[in-house]
Amino acid sequence: NISLLILSEALKIGSLIYVAKKHPIKRDES
């Protein structure tokens, strides 16, 4: 369970950091 928790959170944090860096949010004028 601890191993799955660490793997799970590493996947989430890694994917979110990847998305934040590679695909930043584009704000519209509105």
All heavy atoms as atom14 arrays in JSON, in Angstrom:
{
  "sequence": "NISLLILSEALKIGSLIYVAKKHPIKRDES",
  "atom14_mask": [
    [1, 1, 1, 1, 1, 1, 1, 1, 0, 0, 0, 0, 0, 0],
    [1, 1, 1, 1, 1, 1, 1, 1, 0, 0, 0, 0, 0, 0],
    [1, 1, 1, 1, 1, 1, 0, 0, 0, 0, 0, 0, 0, 0],
    [1, 1, 1, 1, 1, 1, 1, 1, 0, 0, 0, 0, 0, 0],
    [1, 1, 1, 1, 1, 1, 1, 1, 0, 0, 0, 0, 0, 0],
    [1, 1, 1, 1, 1, 1, 1, 1, 0, 0, 0, 0, 0, 0],
    [1, 1, 1, 1, 1, 1, 1, 1, 0, 0, 0, 0, 0, 0],
    [1, 1, 1, 1, 1, 1, 0, 0, 0, 0, 0, 0, 0, 0],
    [1, 1, 1, 1, 1, 1, 1, 1, 1, 0, 0, 0, 0, 0],
    [1, 1, 1, 1, 1, 0, 0, 0, 0, 0, 0, 0, 0, 0],
    [1, 1, 1, 1, 1, 1, 1, 1, 0, 0, 0, 0, 0, 0],
    [1, 1, 1, 1, 1, 1, 1, 1, 1, 0, 0, 0, 0, 0],
    [1, 1, 1, 1, 1, 1, 1, 1, 0, 0, 0, 0, 0, 0],
    [1, 1, 1, 1, 0, 0, 0, 0, 0, 0, 0, 0, 0, 0],
    [1, 1, 1, 1, 1, 1, 0, 0, 0, 0, 0, 0, 0, 0],
    [1, 1, 1, 1, 1, 1, 1, 1, 0, 0, 0, 0, 0, 0],
    [1, 1, 1, 1, 1, 1, 1, 1, 0, 0, 0, 0, 0, 0],
    [1, 1, 1, 1, 1, 1, 1, 1, 1, 1, 1, 1, 0, 0],
    [1, 1, 1, 1, 1, 1, 1, 0, 0, 0, 0, 0, 0, 0],
    [1, 1, 1, 1, 1, 0, 0, 0, 0, 0, 0, 0, 0, 0],
    [1, 1, 1, 1, 1, 1, 1, 1, 1, 0, 0, 0, 0, 0],
    [1, 1, 1, 1, 1, 1, 1, 1, 1, 0, 0, 0, 0, 0],
    [1, 1, 1, 1, 1, 1, 1, 1, 1, 1, 0, 0, 0, 0],
    [1, 1, 1, 1, 1, 1, 1, 0, 0, 0, 0, 0, 0, 0],
    [1, 1, 1, 1, 1, 1, 1, 1, 0, 0, 0, 0, 0, 0],
    [1, 1, 1, 1, 1, 1, 1, 1, 1, 0, 0, 0, 0, 0],
    [1, 1, 1, 1, 1, 1, 1, 1, 1, 1, 1, 0, 0, 0],
    [1, 1, 1, 1, 1, 1, 1, 1, 0, 0, 0, 0, 0, 0],
    [1, 1, 1, 1, 1, 1, 1, 1, 1, 0, 0, 0, 0, 0],
    [1, 1, 1, 1, 1, 1, 0, 0, 0, 0, 0, 0, 0, 0]
  ],
  "atom14_positions": [
    [[0.82, -1.21, 0.0], [0.0, 0.0, 0.0], [0.85, 1.27, 0.0], [0.54, 2.23, -0.7], [-0.95, 0.0, 1.19], [-2.03, -1.04, 1.05], [-2.28, -1.55, -0.04], [-2.67, -1.39, 2.15], [0.0, 0.0, 0.0], [0.0, 0.0, 0.0], [0.0, 0.0, 0.0], [0.0, 0.0, 0.0], [0.0, 0.0, 0.0], [0.0, 0.0, 0.0]],
    [[1.93, 1.26, 0.77], [2.82, 2.43, 0.79], [3.49, 2.59, -0.57], [3.61, 3.71, -1.09], [3.86, 2.29, 1.92], [3.15, 2.44, 3.27], [4.96, 3.33, 1.78], [4.01, 2.13, 4.47], [0.0, 0.0, 0.0], [0.0, 0.0, 0.0], [0.0, 0.0, 0.0], [0.0, 0.0, 0.0], [0.0, 0.0, 0.0], [0.0, 0.0, 0.0]],
    [[3.91, 1.49, -1.18], [4.53, 1.55, -2.51], [3.56, 2.08, -3.55], [3.92, 2.91, -4.39], [5.03, 0.16, -2.93], [5.97, -0.33, -2.03], [0.0, 0.0, 0.0], [0.0, 0.0, 0.0], [0.0, 0.0, 0.0], [0.0, 0.0, 0.0], [0.0, 0.0, 0.0], [0.0, 0.0, 0.0], [0.0, 0.0, 0.0], [0.0, 0.0, 0.0]],
    [[2.32, 1.62, -3.51], [1.31, 2.09, -4.45], [1.0, 3.57, -4.23], [0.78, 4.31, -5.18], [0.04, 1.25, -4.34], [0.15, -0.18, -4.84], [-1.14, -0.94, -4.57], [0.48, -0.21, -6.32], [0.0, 0.0, 0.0], [0.0, 0.0, 0.0], [0.0, 0.0, 0.0], [0.0, 0.0, 0.0], [0.0, 0.0, 0.0], [0.0, 0.0, 0.0]],
    [[0.98, 3.99, -2.97], [0.75, 5.41, -2.66], [1.86, 6.27, -3.24], [1.59, 7.27, -3.91], [0.64, 5.62, -1.15], [0.53, 7.07, -0.7], [-0.83, 7.63, -1.06], [0.77, 7.19, 0.8], [0.0, 0.0, 0.0], [0.0, 0.0, 0.0], [0.0, 0.0, 0.0], [0.0, 0.0, 0.0], [0.0, 0.0, 0.0], [0.0, 0.0, 0.0]],
    [[3.1, 5.87, -3.03], [4.23, 6.64, -3.54], [4.22, 6.67, -5.07], [4.41, 7.73, -5.69], [5.56, 6.09, -2.99], [5.64, 6.37, -1.48], [6.75, 6.68, -3.72], [6.77, 5.66, -0.78], [0.0, 0.0, 0.0], [0.0, 0.0, 0.0], [0.0, 0.0, 0.0], [0.0, 0.0, 0.0], [0.0, 0.0, 0.0], [0.0, 0.0, 0.0]],
    [[3.97, 5.52, -5.7], [3.89, 5.45, -7.16], [2.76, 6.33, -7.69], [2.93, 7.1, -8.64], [3.7, 4.01, -7.62], [3.51, 3.8, -9.12], [4.76, 4.22, -9.88], [3.16, 2.34, -9.4], [0.0, 0.0, 0.0], [0.0, 0.0, 0.0], [0.0, 0.0, 0.0], [0.0, 0.0, 0.0], [0.0, 0.0, 0.0], [0.0, 0.0, 0.0]],
    [[1.61, 6.24, -7.04], [0.45, 7.0, -7.45], [0.7, 8.5, -7.38], [0.41, 9.24, -8.32], [-0.74, 6.62, -6.56], [-1.81, 7.48, -6.75], [0.0, 0.0, 0.0], [0.0, 0.0, 0.0], [0.0, 0.0, 0.0], [0.0, 0.0, 0.0], [0.0, 0.0, 0.0], [0.0, 0.0, 0.0], [0.0, 0.0, 0.0], [0.0, 0.0, 0.0]],
    [[1.27, 8.95, -6.27], [1.5, 10.38, -6.1], [2.63, 10.87, -7.0], [2.59, 12.01, -7.47], [1.77, 10.7, -4.63], [0.65, 10.28, -3.69], [-0.75, 10.53, -4.23], [-1.08, 11.69, -4.57], [-1.53, 9.57, -4.33], [0.0, 0.0, 0.0], [0.0, 0.0, 0.0], [0.0, 0.0, 0.0], [0.0, 0.0, 0.0], [0.0, 0.0, 0.0]],
    [[3.63, 10.03, -7.25], [4.69, 10.41, -8.18], [4.13, 10.58, -9.58], [4.49, 11.53, -10.3], [5.8, 9.36, -8.17], [0.0, 0.0, 0.0], [0.0, 0.0, 0.0], [0.0, 0.0, 0.0], [0.0, 0.0, 0.0], [0.0, 0.0, 0.0], [0.0, 0.0, 0.0], [0.0, 0.0, 0.0], [0.0, 0.0, 0.0], [0.0, 0.0, 0.0]],
    [[3.23, 9.69, -10.0], [2.58, 9.82, -11.3], [1.77, 11.11, -11.39], [1.82, 11.82, -12.39], [1.66, 8.62, -11.57], [2.32, 7.31, -11.91], [1.29, 6.18, -11.94], [3.01, 7.41, -13.26], [0.0, 0.0, 0.0], [0.0, 0.0, 0.0], [0.0, 0.0, 0.0], [0.0, 0.0, 0.0], [0.0, 0.0, 0.0], [0.0, 0.0, 0.0]],
    [[1.01, 11.4, -10.34], [0.16, 12.59, -10.37], [1.0, 13.85, -10.38], [0.8, 14.73, -11.22], [-0.8, 12.61, -9.18], [-1.77, 13.78, -9.26], [-2.87, 13.66, -8.26], [-3.94, 14.69, -8.54], [-5.07, 14.53, -7.64], [0.0, 0.0, 0.0], [0.0, 0.0, 0.0], [0.0, 0.0, 0.0], [0.0, 0.0, 0.0], [0.0, 0.0, 0.0]],
    [[1.93, 13.96, -9.45], [2.75, 15.17, -9.37], [3.56, 15.33, -10.65], [3.63, 16.43, -11.22], [3.65, 15.12, -8.13], [2.79, 15.22, -6.86], [4.68, 16.24, -8.16], [3.55, 14.93, -5.58], [0.0, 0.0, 0.0], [0.0, 0.0, 0.0], [0.0, 0.0, 0.0], [0.0, 0.0, 0.0], [0.0, 0.0, 0.0], [0.0, 0.0, 0.0]],
    [[4.14, 14.24, -11.13], [4.92, 14.3, -12.36], [4.1, 14.73, -13.57], [4.52, 15.58, -14.35], [0.0, 0.0, 0.0], [0.0, 0.0, 0.0], [0.0, 0.0, 0.0], [0.0, 0.0, 0.0], [0.0, 0.0, 0.0], [0.0, 0.0, 0.0], [0.0, 0.0, 0.0], [0.0, 0.0, 0.0], [0.0, 0.0, 0.0], [0.0, 0.0, 0.0]],
    [[2.91, 14.16, -13.71], [2.08, 14.51, -14.86], [1.59, 15.95, -14.78], [1.51, 16.65, -15.78], [0.89, 13.55, -15.0], [-0.01, 13.71, -13.93], [0.0, 0.0, 0.0], [0.0, 0.0, 0.0], [0.0, 0.0, 0.0], [0.0, 0.0, 0.0], [0.0, 0.0, 0.0], [0.0, 0.0, 0.0], [0.0, 0.0, 0.0], [0.0, 0.0, 0.0]],
    [[1.27, 16.42, -13.57], [0.8, 17.8, -13.43], [1.93, 18.81, -13.66], [1.71, 19.86, -14.27], [0.17, 18.0, -12.05], [-1.14, 17.25, -11.83], [-1.65, 17.47, -10.42], [-2.19, 17.64, -12.85], [0.0, 0.0, 0.0], [0.0, 0.0, 0.0], [0.0, 0.0, 0.0], [0.0, 0.0, 0.0], [0.0, 0.0, 0.0], [0.0, 0.0, 0.0]],
    [[3.13, 18.48, -13.21], [4.26, 19.38, -13.47], [4.57, 19.4, -14.96], [4.84, 20.46, -15.53], [5.48, 18.95, -12.63], [5.22, 19.27, -11.15], [6.75, 19.65, -13.11], [6.28, 18.75, -10.21], [0.0, 0.0, 0.0], [0.0, 0.0, 0.0], [0.0, 0.0, 0.0], [0.0, 0.0, 0.0], [0.0, 0.0, 0.0], [0.0, 0.0, 0.0]],
    [[4.51, 18.23, -15.6], [4.74, 18.16, -17.05], [3.73, 19.03, -17.79], [4.09, 19.81, -18.67], [4.65, 16.71, -17.53], [4.67, 16.58, -19.03], [5.86, 16.63, -19.73], [3.48, 16.41, -19.75], [5.89, 16.53, -21.11], [3.5, 16.31, -21.12], [4.7, 16.37, -21.8], [4.7, 16.27, -23.18], [0.0, 0.0, 0.0], [0.0, 0.0, 0.0]],
    [[2.46, 18.89, -17.43], [1.41, 19.65, -18.1], [1.6, 21.15, -17.84], [1.42, 21.97, -18.74], [0.01, 19.18, -17.63], [-1.07, 20.16, -18.01], [-0.29, 17.82, -18.23], [0.0, 0.0, 0.0], [0.0, 0.0, 0.0], [0.0, 0.0, 0.0], [0.0, 0.0, 0.0], [0.0, 0.0, 0.0], [0.0, 0.0, 0.0], [0.0, 0.0, 0.0]],
    [[1.94, 21.51, -16.61], [2.12, 22.92, -16.29], [3.27, 23.54, -17.08], [3.19, 24.7, -17.5], [2.37, 23.09, -14.79], [0.0, 0.0, 0.0], [0.0, 0.0, 0.0], [0.0, 0.0, 0.0], [0.0, 0.0, 0.0], [0.0, 0.0, 0.0], [0.0, 0.0, 0.0], [0.0, 0.0, 0.0], [0.0, 0.0, 0.0], [0.0, 0.0, 0.0]],
    [[4.33, 22.77, -17.32], [5.48, 23.29, -18.06], [5.28, 23.25, -19.56], [5.6, 24.21, -20.27], [6.74, 22.51, -17.7], [7.26, 22.84, -16.32], [8.56, 22.11, -16.06], [9.11, 22.5, -14.7], [10.4, 21.81, -14.43], [0.0, 0.0, 0.0], [0.0, 0.0, 0.0], [0.0, 0.0, 0.0], [0.0, 0.0, 0.0], [0.0, 0.0, 0.0]],
    [[4.76, 22.15, -20.08], [4.66, 21.96, -21.53], [3.39, 22.53, -22.14], [3.36, 22.85, -23.32], [4.74, 20.46, -21.88], [6.04, 19.82, -21.48], [7.17, 20.31, -22.35], [8.44, 19.58, -21.95], [9.59, 20.03, -22.67], [0.0, 0.0, 0.0], [0.0, 0.0, 0.0], [0.0, 0.0, 0.0], [0.0, 0.0, 0.0], [0.0, 0.0, 0.0]],
    [[2.33, 22.61, -21.35], [1.05, 23.09, -21.88], [0.47, 24.14, -20.93], [-0.54, 23.89, -20.26], [0.06, 21.92, -22.02], [0.56, 20.83, -22.9], [0.53, 20.92, -24.26], [1.14, 19.64, -22.61], [1.05, 19.82, -24.77], [1.43, 19.02, -23.8], [0.0, 0.0, 0.0], [0.0, 0.0, 0.0], [0.0, 0.0, 0.0], [0.0, 0.0, 0.0]],
    [[1.08, 25.3, -20.87], [0.57, 26.33, -19.95], [-0.82, 26.8, -20.37], [-1.22, 26.65, -21.53], [1.6, 27.45, -20.06], [2.29, 27.24, -21.36], [2.22, 25.76, -21.64], [0.0, 0.0, 0.0], [0.0, 0.0, 0.0], [0.0, 0.0, 0.0], [0.0, 0.0, 0.0], [0.0, 0.0, 0.0], [0.0, 0.0, 0.0], [0.0, 0.0, 0.0]],
    [[-1.51, 27.36, -19.42], [-2.86, 27.82, -19.67], [-2.8, 29.09, -20.5], [-2.07, 30.03, -20.19], [-3.59, 28.11, -18.35], [-3.68, 26.81, -17.56], [-4.96, 28.71, -18.58], [-4.05, 27.01, -16.13], [0.0, 0.0, 0.0], [0.0, 0.0, 0.0], [0.0, 0.0, 0.0], [0.0, 0.0, 0.0], [0.0, 0.0, 0.0], [0.0, 0.0, 0.0]],
    [[-3.57, 29.1, -21.58], [-3.63, 30.27, -22.44], [-4.87, 31.07, -22.06], [-5.98, 30.58, -22.17], [-3.69, 29.85, -23.9], [-2.43, 29.13, -24.35], [-2.55, 28.63, -25.75], [-1.31, 27.83, -26.09], [-1.46, 27.06, -27.31], [0.0, 0.0, 0.0], [0.0, 0.0, 0.0], [0.0, 0.0, 0.0], [0.0, 0.0, 0.0], [0.0, 0.0, 0.0]],
    [[-4.65, 32.26, -21.6], [-5.75, 33.12, -21.18], [-6.3, 33.9, -22.38], [-5.55, 34.44, -23.18], [-5.28, 34.13, -20.13], [-4.67, 33.5, -18.92], [-5.72, 33.35, -17.92], [-5.19, 32.53, -16.84], [-5.76, 32.42, -15.7], [-6.86, 33.06, -15.46], [-5.26, 31.66, -14.78], [0.0, 0.0, 0.0], [0.0, 0.0, 0.0], [0.0, 0.0, 0.0]],
    [[-7.62, 33.92, -22.46], [-8.25, 34.74, -23.48], [-8.33, 36.16, -22.98], [-8.21, 36.43, -21.8], [-9.67, 34.23, -23.77], [-9.67, 32.87, -24.44], [-8.64, 32.52, -25.05], [-10.69, 32.17, -24.35], [0.0, 0.0, 0.0], [0.0, 0.0, 0.0], [0.0, 0.0, 0.0], [0.0, 0.0, 0.0], [0.0, 0.0, 0.0], [0.0, 0.0, 0.0]],
    [[-8.56, 37.07, -23.88], [-8.73, 38.48, -23.49], [-9.91, 38.64, -22.55], [-9.86, 39.37, -21.6], [-8.94, 39.34, -24.74], [-7.74, 39.45, -25.64], [-6.64, 40.3, -25.03], [-6.97, 41.27, -24.33], [-5.45, 39.99, -25.23], [0.0, 0.0, 0.0], [0.0, 0.0, 0.0], [0.0, 0.0, 0.0], [0.0, 0.0, 0.0], [0.0, 0.0, 0.0]],
    [[-10.97, 37.88, -22.8], [-12.18, 38.0, -21.97], [-11.95, 37.46, -20.57], [-12.56, 37.95, -19.62], [-13.35, 37.25, -22.63], [-13.02, 35.87, -22.75], [0.0, 0.0, 0.0], [0.0, 0.0, 0.0], [0.0, 0.0, 0.0], [0.0, 0.0, 0.0], [0.0, 0.0, 0.0], [0.0, 0.0, 0.0], [0.0, 0.0, 0.0], [0.0, 0.0, 0.0]]
  ]
}
